[in-house]
Amino acid sequence: MNLHQSKYYLLSILLFIGCQSSKYNWNSGNFENAKSVAGTKLILLDFYTETWPACVQLDADTFTDSLIIAVADQFLSVKINVDLDASEGLEDHFNINSIPQNIFVNADGIEIDRIVGYFPADEFGKKVN
């Protein structure tokens, strides 16, 4: 590769990195809203609390990792705080008995799979795939 080509190669890499989101893209609506706009995307429901250590660690370590952020666009992701009344009773509907739990559902609300507990980004990514 000559110097001219290497400049374009480096520029392409920098543009690619710059275009990547640096933050996980959480849907600002609730589950019902997510179902109405999901289309063919799966919905990721993240059941959590703000004070449980494993939930805090999942947010701090896993959902900030660039590999997880890169796949986030494949899903419509919704955080559901089980401590709030606004959780719509979904923890009962999906039989949430421990947190964190990440449940993948289709636009009809039918469960496809779930990830129970904390996992570092590389392991979480393997489970998502």
C-alpha atoms as a PDB file:
ATOM      1  CA  MET A   1       0.000   0.000   0.000  1.00  0.00           C
ATOM      2  CA  ASN A   2       1.467   3.342  -0.988  1.00  0.00           C
ATOM      3  CA  LEU A   3       1.298   6.524   1.089  1.00  0.00           C
ATOM      4  CA  HIS A   4      -1.661   7.914  -0.856  1.00  0.00           C
ATOM      5  CA  GLN A   5      -3.679   4.709  -0.362  1.00  0.00           C
ATOM      6  CA  SER A   6      -2.783   4.507   3.316  1.00  0.00           C
ATOM      7  CA  LYS A   7      -4.108   8.052   3.881  1.00  0.00           C
ATOM      8  CA  TYR A   8      -7.456   7.065   2.385  1.00  0.00           C
ATOM      9  CA  TYR A   9      -7.472   3.846   4.374  1.00  0.00           C
ATOM     10  CA  LEU A  10      -6.819   5.724   7.617  1.00  0.00           C
ATOM     11  CA  LEU A  11      -9.443   8.343   6.736  1.00  0.00           C
ATOM     12  CA  SER A  12     -11.997   5.591   6.051  1.00  0.00           C
ATOM     13  CA  ILE A  13     -11.317   3.999   9.420  1.00  0.00           C
ATOM     14  CA  LEU A  14     -11.622   7.326  11.227  1.00  0.00           C
ATOM     15  CA  LEU A  15     -14.882   8.130   9.445  1.00  0.00           C
ATOM     16  CA  PHE A  16     -16.248   4.688  10.295  1.00  0.00           C
ATOM     17  CA  ILE A  17     -15.320   5.076  13.963  1.00  0.00           C
ATOM     18  CA  GLY A  18     -16.705   8.609  14.030  1.00  0.00           C
ATOM     19  CA  CYS A  19     -20.032   7.444  12.598  1.00  0.00           C
ATOM     20  CA  GLN A  20     -20.456   4.792  15.248  1.00  0.00           C
ATOM     21  CA  SER A  21     -22.714   5.768  18.126  1.00  0.00           C
ATOM     22  CA  SER A  22     -20.831   6.244  21.367  1.00  0.00           C
ATOM     23  CA  LYS A  23     -23.914   5.577  23.467  1.00  0.00           C
ATOM     24  CA  TYR A  24     -26.364   2.683  23.613  1.00  0.00           C
ATOM     25  CA  ASN A  25     -29.579   3.674  21.877  1.00  0.00           C
ATOM     26  CA  TRP A  26     -32.427   3.163  24.374  1.00  0.00           C
ATOM     27  CA  ASN A  27     -35.975   3.727  23.159  1.00  0.00           C
ATOM     28  CA  SER A  28     -37.528   6.607  25.052  1.00  0.00           C
ATOM     29  CA  GLY A  29     -41.021   5.078  24.998  1.00  0.00           C
ATOM     30  CA  ASN A  30     -42.584   2.191  26.867  1.00  0.00           C
ATOM     31  CA  PHE A  31     -43.107  -1.423  25.780  1.00  0.00           C
ATOM     32  CA  GLU A  32     -46.458  -0.776  24.094  1.00  0.00           C
ATOM     33  CA  ASN A  33     -44.921   2.076  22.121  1.00  0.00           C
ATOM     34  CA  ALA A  34     -41.969  -0.115  21.158  1.00  0.00           C
ATOM     35  CA  LYS A  35     -44.282  -2.858  19.868  1.00  0.00           C
ATOM     36  CA  SER A  36     -46.110  -0.356  17.683  1.00  0.00           C
ATOM     37  CA  VAL A  37     -42.942   0.920  15.985  1.00  0.00           C
ATOM     38  CA  ALA A  38     -40.702  -2.177  16.011  1.00  0.00           C
ATOM     39  CA  GLY A  39     -41.675  -3.443  12.581  1.00  0.00           C
ATOM     40  CA  THR A  40     -39.419  -6.418  11.895  1.00  0.00           C
ATOM     41  CA  LYS A  41     -36.906  -5.560  14.628  1.00  0.00           C
ATOM     42  CA  LEU A  42     -36.785  -7.542  17.834  1.00  0.00           C
ATOM     43  CA  ILE A  43     -37.408  -5.658  21.055  1.00  0.00           C
ATOM     44  CA  LEU A  44     -34.921  -5.927  23.909  1.00  0.00           C
ATOM     45  CA  LEU A  45     -36.546  -5.454  27.313  1.00  0.00           C
ATOM     46  CA  ASP A  46     -33.948  -4.681  29.989  1.00  0.00           C
ATOM     47  CA  PHE A  47     -35.516  -5.381  33.406  1.00  0.00           C
ATOM     48  CA  TYR A  48     -33.439  -3.610  36.051  1.00  0.00           C
ATOM     49  CA  THR A  49     -33.335  -1.439  39.145  1.00  0.00           C
ATOM     50  CA  GLU A  50     -31.121   1.571  39.660  1.00  0.00           C
ATOM     51  CA  THR A  51     -29.624   0.208  42.889  1.00  0.00           C
ATOM     52  CA  TRP A  52     -28.977  -3.506  42.301  1.00  0.00           C
ATOM     53  CA  PRO A  53     -25.205  -3.962  41.792  1.00  0.00           C
ATOM     54  CA  ALA A  54     -25.472  -6.360  38.837  1.00  0.00           C
ATOM     55  CA  CYS A  55     -27.832  -3.950  37.030  1.00  0.00           C
ATOM     56  CA  VAL A  56     -25.543  -1.014  37.673  1.00  0.00           C
ATOM     57  CA  GLN A  57     -22.557  -3.029  36.435  1.00  0.00           C
ATOM     58  CA  LEU A  58     -24.419  -4.148  33.292  1.00  0.00           C
ATOM     59  CA  ASP A  59     -25.179  -0.507  32.468  1.00  0.00           C
ATOM     60  CA  ALA A  60     -21.662   0.673  33.304  1.00  0.00           C
ATOM     61  CA  ASP A  61     -19.647  -2.097  31.644  1.00  0.00           C
ATOM     62  CA  THR A  62     -21.721  -3.927  29.061  1.00  0.00           C
ATOM     63  CA  PHE A  63     -24.087  -1.339  27.592  1.00  0.00           C
ATOM     64  CA  THR A  64     -21.219   1.127  27.188  1.00  0.00           C
ATOM     65  CA  ASP A  65     -19.010  -1.289  25.259  1.00  0.00           C
ATOM     66  CA  SER A  66     -18.516  -0.408  21.593  1.00  0.00           C
ATOM     67  CA  LEU A  67     -19.260  -3.981  20.456  1.00  0.00           C
ATOM     68  CA  ILE A  68     -22.647  -3.970  22.198  1.00  0.00           C
ATOM     69  CA  ILE A  69     -23.414  -0.441  21.009  1.00  0.00           C
ATOM     70  CA  ALA A  70     -22.653  -1.570  17.453  1.00  0.00           C
ATOM     71  CA  VAL A  71     -25.340  -4.284  17.567  1.00  0.00           C
ATOM     72  CA  ALA A  72     -27.866  -2.108  19.412  1.00  0.00           C
ATOM     73  CA  ASP A  73     -29.365  -0.847  16.158  1.00  0.00           C
ATOM     74  CA  GLN A  74     -30.605  -4.364  15.437  1.00  0.00           C
ATOM     75  CA  PHE A  75     -33.082  -4.018  18.309  1.00  0.00           C
ATOM     76  CA  LEU A  76     -35.544  -1.569  19.736  1.00  0.00           C
ATOM     77  CA  SER A  77     -34.318  -1.465  23.339  1.00  0.00           C
ATOM     78  CA  VAL A  78     -36.481  -0.509  26.312  1.00  0.00           C
ATOM     79  CA  LYS A  79     -35.369  -0.191  29.931  1.00  0.00           C
ATOM     80  CA  ILE A  80     -37.976  -1.321  32.465  1.00  0.00           C
ATOM     81  CA  ASN A  81     -37.356  -0.333  36.074  1.00  0.00           C
ATOM     82  CA  VAL A  82     -39.129  -2.995  38.144  1.00  0.00           C
ATOM     83  CA  ASP A  83     -39.207  -0.628  41.138  1.00  0.00           C
ATOM     84  CA  LEU A  84     -41.577   1.770  39.369  1.00  0.00           C
ATOM     85  CA  ASP A  85     -45.313   1.463  38.876  1.00  0.00           C
ATOM     86  CA  ALA A  86     -44.695   2.509  35.274  1.00  0.00           C
ATOM     87  CA  SER A  87     -43.224  -0.944  34.595  1.00  0.00           C
ATOM     88  CA  GLU A  88     -46.729  -1.850  33.393  1.00  0.00           C
ATOM     89  CA  GLY A  89     -46.773  -5.155  35.294  1.00  0.00           C
ATOM     90  CA  LEU A  90     -44.397  -6.591  32.719  1.00  0.00           C
ATOM     91  CA  GLU A  91     -42.257  -8.251  35.380  1.00  0.00           C
ATOM     92  CA  ASP A  92     -45.241 -10.473  36.228  1.00  0.00           C
ATOM     93  CA  HIS A  93     -46.128 -11.057  32.586  1.00  0.00           C
ATOM     94  CA  PHE A  94     -42.579 -12.190  31.758  1.00  0.00           C
ATOM     95  CA  ASN A  95     -42.074 -13.978  35.095  1.00  0.00           C
ATOM     96  CA  ILE A  96     -39.126 -11.854  36.206  1.00  0.00           C
ATOM     97  CA  ASN A  97     -37.829 -13.380  39.426  1.00  0.00           C
ATOM     98  CA  SER A  98     -34.296 -11.990  39.356  1.00  0.00           C
ATOM     99  CA  ILE A  99     -32.563  -9.019  37.798  1.00  0.00           C
ATOM    100  CA  PRO A 100     -31.015  -8.017  35.547  1.00  0.00           C
ATOM    101  CA  GLN A 101     -32.921  -9.832  32.842  1.00  0.00           C
ATOM    102  CA  ASN A 102     -32.858  -8.985  29.176  1.00  0.00           C
ATOM    103  CA  ILE A 103     -35.721 -10.450  27.206  1.00  0.00           C
ATOM    104  CA  PHE A 104     -35.942 -10.422  23.423  1.00  0.00           C
ATOM    105  CA  VAL A 105     -39.477 -10.315  22.035  1.00  0.00           C
ATOM    106  CA  ASN A 106     -40.982  -9.791  18.598  1.00  0.00           C
ATOM    107  CA  ALA A 107     -43.366  -6.938  17.743  1.00  0.00           C
ATOM    108  CA  ASP A 108     -46.284  -9.102  18.925  1.00  0.00           C
ATOM    109  CA  GLY A 109     -44.704  -9.326  22.376  1.00  0.00           C
ATOM    110  CA  ILE A 110     -43.839 -13.020  22.047  1.00  0.00           C
ATOM    111  CA  GLU A 111     -40.651 -13.974  23.861  1.00  0.00           C
ATOM    112  CA  ILE A 112     -37.825 -15.212  21.643  1.00  0.00           C
ATOM    113  CA  ASP A 113     -35.033 -15.574  24.213  1.00  0.00           C
ATOM    114  CA  ARG A 114     -33.647 -14.113  27.432  1.00  0.00           C
ATOM    115  CA  ILE A 115     -30.343 -13.358  29.103  1.00  0.00           C
ATOM    116  CA  VAL A 116     -30.472 -13.670  32.881  1.00  0.00           C
ATOM    117  CA  GLY A 117     -27.900 -11.916  35.045  1.00  0.00           C
ATOM    118  CA  TYR A 118     -24.817  -9.828  34.469  1.00  0.00           C
ATOM    119  CA  PHE A 119     -22.373 -10.687  31.689  1.00  0.00           C
ATOM    120  CA  PRO A 120     -19.358  -8.704  30.476  1.00  0.00           C
ATOM    121  CA  ALA A 121     -19.740  -7.288  26.982  1.00  0.00           C
ATOM    122  CA  ASP A 122     -17.960 -10.097  25.122  1.00  0.00           C
ATOM    123  CA  GLU A 123     -20.089 -12.802  26.750  1.00  0.00           C
ATOM    124  CA  PHE A 124     -23.271 -10.749  26.449  1.00  0.00           C
ATOM    125  CA  GLY A 125     -22.510 -10.244  22.755  1.00  0.00           C
ATOM    126  CA  LYS A 126     -22.080 -13.986  22.227  1.00  0.00           C
ATOM    127  CA  LYS A 127     -25.440 -14.622  23.881  1.00  0.00           C
ATOM    128  CA  VAL A 128     -27.110 -11.950  21.735  1.00  0.00           C
ATOM    129  CA  ASN A 129     -25.767 -13.588  18.591  1.00  0.00           C
END
